[in-house]
Protein backbone atom coordinates (compact mmCIF):
# COMPACT_ATOMS: atom_id res chain seq x y z
CA MET A 1 5.79 -16.50 -18.40
CA ALA A 2 2.66 -14.45 -19.16
CA GLY A 3 1.26 -17.39 -21.11
CA ASP A 4 1.73 -19.63 -18.07
CA ILE A 5 -0.14 -17.16 -15.88
CA VAL A 6 -3.00 -17.00 -18.35
CA LYS A 7 -3.10 -20.80 -18.50
CA ILE A 8 -3.18 -21.08 -14.70
CA GLN A 9 -5.93 -18.45 -14.48
CA ALA A 10 -7.95 -20.30 -17.12
CA GLU A 11 -7.60 -23.55 -15.16
CA HIS A 12 -8.76 -21.84 -11.97
CA TRP A 13 -11.67 -20.27 -13.83
CA SER A 14 -12.66 -23.64 -15.25
CA ALA A 15 -12.48 -25.29 -11.83
CA THR A 16 -14.54 -22.48 -10.32
CA GLN A 17 -17.17 -22.85 -13.04
CA LEU A 18 -17.44 -26.60 -12.34
CA LYS A 19 -17.85 -25.95 -8.61
CA LEU A 20 -20.53 -23.35 -9.25
CA LYS A 21 -22.38 -25.71 -11.58
CA ALA A 22 -22.31 -28.48 -8.95
CA LEU A 23 -23.53 -26.05 -6.29
CA ASN A 24 -26.33 -24.86 -8.57
CA GLU A 25 -27.43 -28.45 -9.19
CA LYS A 26 -27.39 -29.21 -5.46
CA MET A 27 -29.45 -26.09 -4.71
CA ALA A 28 -31.96 -27.08 -7.39
CA ALA A 29 -32.31 -30.51 -5.75
CA LEU A 30 -32.75 -28.94 -2.31
CA GLU A 31 -35.36 -26.37 -3.32
CA PRO A 32 -38.41 -28.69 -3.35
CA LEU A 33 -37.30 -30.31 -0.09
CA ILE A 34 -36.93 -26.93 1.60
CA LEU A 35 -40.34 -25.82 0.36
CA GLU A 36 -41.86 -29.03 1.70
CA ALA A 37 -40.12 -28.52 5.04
CA VAL A 38 -41.48 -24.98 5.29
CA GLU A 39 -44.97 -26.28 4.62
CA GLN A 40 -44.61 -28.98 7.27
CA LEU A 41 -43.31 -26.51 9.83
CA ASP A 42 -46.25 -24.16 9.27
CA PRO A 43 -48.12 -24.15 12.60
CA HIS A 44 -51.44 -23.89 10.73
CA SER A 45 -50.73 -27.00 8.65
CA CYS A 46 -51.76 -30.33 10.14
CA SER A 47 -51.60 -32.36 6.94
CA TYR A 48 -48.31 -34.09 7.78
CA ASP A 49 -47.58 -36.65 10.45
CA ALA A 50 -44.37 -37.44 12.32
CA GLY A 51 -43.47 -40.25 9.92
CA GLN A 52 -43.63 -37.94 6.93
CA ARG A 53 -41.54 -35.35 8.74
CA GLN A 54 -38.95 -37.97 9.62
CA ALA A 55 -38.85 -39.16 6.00
CA LEU A 56 -38.38 -35.58 4.81
CA ALA A 57 -35.60 -35.06 7.35
CA GLN A 58 -33.84 -38.15 5.99
CA ARG A 59 -34.20 -36.93 2.40
CA LEU A 60 -32.76 -33.55 3.40
CA LYS A 61 -29.81 -35.26 5.12
CA GLU A 62 -29.16 -37.33 2.01
CA ALA A 63 -29.34 -34.28 -0.23
CA LEU A 64 -26.94 -32.38 2.00
CA SER A 65 -24.50 -35.25 2.42
CA LYS A 66 -21.12 -35.13 0.79
CA ASP A 67 -20.55 -37.75 -1.90
CA GLY A 68 -23.40 -39.87 -0.57
CA GLU A 69 -22.04 -40.07 2.98
CA ALA A 70 -24.61 -39.82 5.73
CA VAL A 71 -24.78 -36.53 7.55
CA PRO A 72 -24.04 -37.10 11.25
CA GLN A 73 -27.15 -36.81 13.36
CA SER A 74 -26.94 -34.16 16.06
CA LYS A 75 -28.15 -35.05 19.53
């Protein structure tokens, strides 16, 4: 019985580690996009146009999507 509990706990730990690794990878992919978004939203920065902002928004949506599904656009 105790061995079964240890096995179950180990499986949960392993699953948790995989989820944390996936989250870490997603955050690493988002970091440069977030930094670019901050730069574009800086009121003193005029180096980006609407097309570039729209392209960045699309890249952020793709990065945040689940399993490649599009993130619904809010209206």
